[in-house]
Amino acid sequence: MKNETATNSVFINGRNQIIEMLQHMTPQEKGRILKLIRIKNPILADELQSKSFSFHDLVNLSTQDITKLANSIKPAIFGMALKGLDVKMQKKFLSILPRDYAEAAYGTMTTFYNNEKDLGARAKNKILETFQKVFYTGKII
């Protein structure tokens, strides 16, 4: 009986697993959990919040923050990251960005690439890394 319970249980043994779980939660669920963690360990809560930020959370940034982020990223990278998103999200980002930047990003979005999925994932990761540096360390690349 003991072994059955142990094999049916899920063990969380690292921050990376917690961060990954937080990335898949709705903003409300994530906020509730981080609030509970913050009560006991504010430093851990801040770290989890900053590292669990996903690409889809960018849509909730202010216009100024999206523009600030775009200033640190090439338009081609931004366009590649937007390529797989729904049209509504693409329009939101492109309408916020400066016209020349948005046109360059759109050019990348409408170009076919053989390895689009891989390039899109790499572009999203690059944007999230840049977001971490710009907003959580105050260091602009």
Protein backbone atom coordinates (compact mmCIF):
# COMPACT_ATOMS: atom_id res chain seq x y z
CA MET A 1 0.00 0.00 0.00
CA LYS A 2 2.84 2.38 0.83
CA ASN A 3 4.53 1.83 -2.53
CA GLU A 4 1.30 2.44 -4.44
CA THR A 5 0.86 5.81 -2.76
CA ALA A 6 4.44 6.76 -3.46
CA THR A 7 4.23 5.84 -7.13
CA ASN A 8 0.93 7.69 -7.61
CA SER A 9 2.21 10.88 -5.98
CA VAL A 10 3.82 13.78 -7.74
CA PHE A 11 6.90 15.24 -6.12
CA ILE A 12 8.05 18.77 -6.73
CA ASN A 13 11.73 18.97 -5.98
CA GLY A 14 12.91 22.14 -7.64
CA ARG A 15 12.23 25.72 -8.53
CA ASN A 16 12.28 24.99 -12.24
CA GLN A 17 9.30 22.66 -11.89
CA ILE A 18 7.41 25.26 -9.86
CA ILE A 19 8.23 27.95 -12.41
CA GLU A 20 7.02 25.74 -15.24
CA MET A 21 3.78 25.03 -13.38
CA LEU A 22 3.23 28.75 -12.74
CA GLN A 23 3.72 29.50 -16.43
CA HIS A 24 0.77 27.26 -17.30
CA MET A 25 -1.61 28.84 -14.78
CA THR A 26 -4.08 31.63 -15.35
CA PRO A 27 -2.97 35.02 -13.97
CA GLN A 28 -5.54 34.70 -11.15
CA GLU A 29 -4.31 31.25 -10.05
CA LYS A 30 -0.70 32.33 -10.31
CA GLY A 31 -1.38 35.49 -8.30
CA ARG A 32 -3.16 33.59 -5.55
CA ILE A 33 -0.31 31.09 -5.16
CA LEU A 34 2.39 33.77 -5.24
CA LYS A 35 0.47 35.74 -2.62
CA LEU A 36 0.49 32.72 -0.29
CA ILE A 37 4.21 32.12 -0.90
CA ARG A 38 4.95 35.84 -0.34
CA ILE A 39 3.56 35.61 3.21
CA LYS A 40 6.24 33.09 4.22
CA ASN A 41 9.06 33.97 1.82
CA PRO A 42 8.86 37.29 -0.06
CA ILE A 43 12.22 36.81 -1.77
CA LEU A 44 11.22 33.43 -3.19
CA ALA A 45 7.87 34.86 -4.33
CA ASP A 46 9.63 37.68 -6.20
CA GLU A 47 11.99 35.21 -7.86
CA LEU A 48 9.16 32.89 -8.87
CA GLN A 49 7.11 35.78 -10.21
CA SER A 50 9.94 37.14 -12.33
CA LYS A 51 10.97 33.75 -13.71
CA SER A 52 7.47 32.41 -14.32
CA PHE A 53 6.58 35.25 -16.66
CA SER A 54 5.52 33.67 -19.95
CA PHE A 55 5.37 35.16 -23.43
CA HIS A 56 1.58 35.36 -23.28
CA ASP A 57 1.87 37.59 -20.19
CA LEU A 58 3.45 40.27 -22.36
CA VAL A 59 0.04 41.22 -23.69
CA ASN A 60 -0.77 42.57 -20.20
CA LEU A 61 2.17 44.98 -20.22
CA SER A 62 1.52 48.68 -20.63
CA THR A 63 2.15 50.42 -23.93
CA GLN A 64 5.26 52.07 -22.48
CA ASP A 65 6.64 48.74 -21.23
CA ILE A 66 6.09 47.02 -24.60
CA THR A 67 7.82 49.92 -26.34
CA LYS A 68 10.69 49.78 -23.82
CA LEU A 69 11.04 46.05 -24.40
CA ALA A 70 10.96 46.50 -28.19
CA ASN A 71 13.82 49.02 -27.96
CA SER A 72 16.02 46.17 -26.72
CA ILE A 73 14.97 43.61 -29.35
CA LYS A 74 15.43 43.52 -33.12
CA PRO A 75 12.17 43.75 -35.09
CA ALA A 76 12.88 40.44 -36.84
CA ILE A 77 13.02 38.63 -33.49
CA PHE A 78 9.80 40.27 -32.34
CA GLY A 79 8.12 39.40 -35.63
CA MET A 80 9.23 35.78 -35.45
CA ALA A 81 7.88 35.52 -31.90
CA LEU A 82 4.52 36.94 -32.99
CA LYS A 83 4.29 34.57 -35.97
CA GLY A 84 2.46 31.75 -34.19
CA LEU A 85 0.15 33.87 -32.07
CA ASP A 86 -3.50 34.57 -32.72
CA VAL A 87 -4.28 37.57 -34.92
CA LYS A 88 -5.79 39.62 -32.08
CA MET A 89 -2.55 39.40 -30.08
CA GLN A 90 -0.44 40.17 -33.16
CA LYS A 91 -2.51 43.28 -33.90
CA LYS A 92 -2.23 44.50 -30.32
CA PHE A 93 1.56 44.33 -30.38
CA LEU A 94 1.94 45.75 -33.87
CA SER A 95 -0.39 48.68 -33.14
CA ILE A 96 1.62 49.62 -30.04
CA LEU A 97 5.05 49.46 -31.66
CA PRO A 98 6.52 52.37 -33.64
CA ARG A 99 5.48 52.19 -37.30
CA ASP A 100 8.91 51.39 -38.82
CA TYR A 101 9.54 48.74 -36.18
CA ALA A 102 6.06 47.22 -36.65
CA GLU A 103 6.50 47.09 -40.44
CA ALA A 104 9.83 45.28 -40.10
CA ALA A 105 8.32 42.83 -37.58
CA TYR A 106 5.34 42.27 -39.89
CA GLY A 107 7.72 41.54 -42.77
CA THR A 108 9.26 38.73 -40.72
CA MET A 109 5.81 37.49 -39.69
CA THR A 110 4.66 37.12 -43.29
CA THR A 111 7.82 35.43 -44.56
CA PHE A 112 7.90 31.63 -44.69
CA TYR A 113 10.79 29.82 -42.98
CA ASN A 114 11.43 26.07 -43.03
CA ASN A 115 12.03 25.86 -39.30
CA GLU A 116 9.44 28.40 -38.11
CA LYS A 117 8.47 26.51 -34.98
CA ASP A 118 12.04 26.34 -33.71
CA LEU A 119 12.79 29.94 -34.68
CA GLY A 120 9.57 31.12 -33.02
CA ALA A 121 10.42 29.33 -29.78
CA ARG A 122 13.93 30.79 -29.79
CA ALA A 123 12.55 34.28 -30.48
CA LYS A 124 10.07 34.00 -27.60
CA ASN A 125 12.84 32.84 -25.26
CA LYS A 126 15.04 35.74 -26.36
CA ILE A 127 12.23 38.21 -25.66
CA LEU A 128 11.62 36.72 -22.21
CA GLU A 129 15.34 36.83 -21.39
CA THR A 130 15.45 40.46 -22.47
CA PHE A 131 12.33 41.19 -20.43
CA GLN A 132 14.07 39.76 -17.35
CA LYS A 133 17.13 41.93 -17.92
CA VAL A 134 15.22 45.13 -18.68
CA PHE A 135 12.53 44.95 -16.02
CA TYR A 136 14.02 42.91 -13.20
CA THR A 137 17.61 44.08 -13.18
CA GLY A 138 17.07 47.55 -14.59
CA LYS A 139 19.81 46.82 -17.10
CA ILE A 140 18.99 47.70 -20.68
CA ILE A 141 20.91 45.68 -23.24
